C-alpha atoms as a PDB file:
ATOM      1  CA  UNK A   1      99.560  38.135 132.409  1.00  0.00           C
ATOM      2  CA  UNK A   2      98.752  39.993 135.601  1.00  0.00           C
ATOM      3  CA  UNK A   3      95.602  41.497 134.073  1.00  0.00           C
ATOM      4  CA  UNK A   4      94.382  38.135 132.748  1.00  0.00           C
ATOM      5  CA  UNK A   5      95.038  36.377 136.032  1.00  0.00           C
ATOM      6  CA  UNK A   6      93.385  39.014 138.184  1.00  0.00           C
ATOM      7  CA  UNK A   7      90.268  39.181 136.021  1.00  0.00           C
ATOM      8  CA  UNK A   8      89.974  35.390 135.774  1.00  0.00           C
ATOM      9  CA  UNK A   9      90.354  34.866 139.525  1.00  0.00           C
ATOM     10  CA  UNK A  10      87.803  37.553 140.308  1.00  0.00           C
ATOM     11  CA  UNK A  11      85.289  36.080 137.837  1.00  0.00           C
ATOM     12  CA  UNK A  12      85.859  32.546 139.086  1.00  0.00           C
ATOM     13  CA  UNK A  13      85.375  33.626 142.711  1.00  0.00           C
ATOM     14  CA  UNK A  14      82.128  35.354 141.756  1.00  0.00           C
ATOM     15  CA  UNK A  15      80.975  32.287 139.800  1.00  0.00           C
ATOM     16  CA  UNK A  16      80.643  34.247 136.567  1.00  0.00           C
ATOM     17  CA  UNK A  17      81.475  32.591 133.246  1.00  0.00           C
ATOM     18  CA  UNK A  18      82.755  35.337 130.934  1.00  0.00           C
ATOM     19  CA  UNK A  19      82.025  35.518 127.228  1.00  0.00           C
ATOM     20  CA  UNK A  20      84.697  34.465 124.764  1.00  0.00           C
ATOM     21  CA  UNK A  21      85.757  38.057 124.146  1.00  0.00           C
ATOM     22  CA  UNK A  22      85.780  38.941 127.843  1.00  0.00           C
ATOM     23  CA  UNK A  23      88.015  35.959 128.619  1.00  0.00           C
ATOM     24  CA  UNK A  24      90.405  36.256 125.673  1.00  0.00           C
ATOM     25  CA  UNK A  25      90.481  40.060 125.417  1.00  0.00           C
ATOM     26  CA  UNK A  26      93.020  40.391 128.243  1.00  0.00           C
ATOM     27  CA  UNK A  27      95.221  37.848 126.445  1.00  0.00           C
ATOM     28  CA  UNK A  28      95.175  40.118 123.381  1.00  0.00           C
ATOM     29  CA  UNK A  29      96.029  43.091 125.620  1.00  0.00           C
ATOM     30  CA  UNK A  30      98.971  41.130 127.065  1.00  0.00           C
ATOM     31  CA  UNK A  31     100.193  40.289 123.551  1.00  0.00           C
ATOM     32  CA  UNK A  32      99.848  43.915 122.443  1.00  0.00           C
ATOM     33  CA  UNK A  33     101.741  45.123 125.502  1.00  0.00           C
ATOM     34  CA  UNK A  34     104.560  42.689 124.694  1.00  0.00           C
ATOM     35  CA  UNK A  35     104.710  44.071 121.146  1.00  0.00           C
ATOM     36  CA  UNK A  36     104.865  47.638 122.477  1.00  0.00           C
ATOM     37  CA  UNK A  37     107.642  46.652 124.875  1.00  0.00           C
ATOM     38  CA  UNK A  38     109.643  45.048 122.055  1.00  0.00           C
ATOM     39  CA  UNK A  39     109.135  48.130 119.881  1.00  0.00           C
ATOM     40  CA  UNK A  40     110.355  50.416 122.672  1.00  0.00           C
ATOM     41  CA  UNK A  41     113.427  48.298 123.366  1.00  0.00           C
ATOM     42  CA  UNK A  42     114.368  47.730 119.717  1.00  0.00           C
ATOM     43  CA  UNK A  43     116.475  50.885 119.228  1.00  0.00           C
ATOM     44  CA  UNK A  44     118.468  50.547 122.481  1.00  0.00           C
ATOM     45  CA  UNK A  45     119.071  46.865 121.734  1.00  0.00           C
ATOM     46  CA  UNK A  46     120.354  47.702 118.256  1.00  0.00           C
ATOM     47  CA  UNK A  47     122.719  50.262 119.762  1.00  0.00           C
ATOM     48  CA  UNK A  48     124.081  47.708 122.242  1.00  0.00           C
ATOM     49  CA  UNK A  49     124.531  45.124 119.512  1.00  0.00           C
ATOM     50  CA  UNK A  50     126.374  47.614 117.310  1.00  0.00           C
ATOM     51  CA  UNK A  51     128.577  48.705 120.206  1.00  0.00           C
ATOM     52  CA  UNK A  52     129.612  45.308 121.578  1.00  0.00           C
ATOM     53  CA  UNK A  53     129.354  43.192 118.388  1.00  0.00           C
ATOM     54  CA  UNK A  54     128.606  39.873 120.143  1.00  0.00           C
ATOM     55  CA  UNK A  55     129.076  36.500 118.486  1.00  0.00           C
ATOM     56  CA  UNK A  56     126.182  34.770 116.764  1.00  0.00           C
ATOM     57  CA  UNK A  57     125.715  32.237 119.563  1.00  0.00           C
ATOM     58  CA  UNK A  58     125.670  34.974 122.192  1.00  0.00           C
ATOM     59  CA  UNK A  59     122.977  36.783 120.191  1.00  0.00           C
ATOM     60  CA  UNK A  60     120.886  33.638 119.785  1.00  0.00           C
ATOM     61  CA  UNK A  61     121.085  32.829 123.494  1.00  0.00           C
ATOM     62  CA  UNK A  62     120.344  36.422 124.518  1.00  0.00           C
ATOM     63  CA  UNK A  63     117.336  36.657 122.223  1.00  0.00           C
ATOM     64  CA  UNK A  64     116.065  33.296 123.443  1.00  0.00           C
ATOM     65  CA  UNK A  65     116.397  33.996 127.165  1.00  0.00           C
ATOM     66  CA  UNK A  66     115.535  37.709 127.113  1.00  0.00           C
ATOM     67  CA  UNK A  67     112.926  37.786 124.360  1.00  0.00           C
ATOM     68  CA  UNK A  68     111.356  34.503 123.336  1.00  0.00           C
ATOM     69  CA  UNK A  69     111.167  32.658 126.640  1.00  0.00           C
ATOM     70  CA  UNK A  70     109.604  35.466 128.738  1.00  0.00           C
ATOM     71  CA  UNK A  71     107.051  36.275 126.031  1.00  0.00           C
ATOM     72  CA  UNK A  72     106.032  32.623 125.770  1.00  0.00           C
ATOM     73  CA  UNK A  73     105.655  32.354 129.535  1.00  0.00           C
ATOM     74  CA  UNK A  74     103.438  35.447 129.645  1.00  0.00           C
ATOM     75  CA  UNK A  75     101.249  34.361 126.728  1.00  0.00           C
ATOM     76  CA  UNK A  76     100.889  30.753 127.832  1.00  0.00           C
ATOM     77  CA  UNK A  77      99.978  31.641 131.421  1.00  0.00           C
ATOM     78  CA  UNK A  78      97.593  34.321 130.208  1.00  0.00           C
ATOM     79  CA  UNK A  79      95.929  31.807 127.887  1.00  0.00           C
ATOM     80  CA  UNK A  80      95.656  29.230 130.653  1.00  0.00           C
ATOM     81  CA  UNK A  81      93.845  31.700 132.903  1.00  0.00           C
ATOM     82  CA  UNK A  82      91.502  32.669 130.063  1.00  0.00           C
ATOM     83  CA  UNK A  83      90.645  29.036 129.393  1.00  0.00           C
ATOM     84  CA  UNK A  84      90.249  28.279 133.086  1.00  0.00           C
ATOM     85  CA  UNK A  85      87.850  31.179 133.570  1.00  0.00           C
ATOM     86  CA  UNK A  86      85.563  29.826 130.810  1.00  0.00           C
ATOM     87  CA  UNK A  87      85.631  26.189 131.926  1.00  0.00           C
ATOM     88  CA  UNK A  88      82.455  24.576 133.217  1.00  0.00           C
ATOM     89  CA  UNK A  89      82.554  21.075 134.630  1.00  0.00           C
ATOM     90  CA  UNK A  90      79.868  18.567 133.628  1.00  0.00           C
ATOM     91  CA  UNK A  91      77.694  19.390 136.665  1.00  0.00           C
ATOM     92  CA  UNK A  92      77.681  23.064 135.682  1.00  0.00           C
ATOM     93  CA  UNK A  93      79.913  24.252 138.534  1.00  0.00           C
ATOM     94  CA  UNK A  94      82.970  26.323 137.916  1.00  0.00           C
ATOM     95  CA  UNK A  95      86.287  25.095 139.284  1.00  0.00           C
END
């Protein structure tokens, strides 16, 4: 999300409209970094789950608030910046 935002703001300030790949590539990098983070945290999370044996509802809430919600926030904001960097208004000016 930080990479997408920084690149989009810099391009918008310079008045450059990036290609589709240049705008959406950082979104793919953000998604890949989230997958790497999940892969790295999978084994420690399994160990904690096996150790504490939480209830089903505790697991659902923990996965929602610690996994799903942050990943959706990152991907949605990253996508918004990618779309905003490619937007041209009808007069041809970038906003």
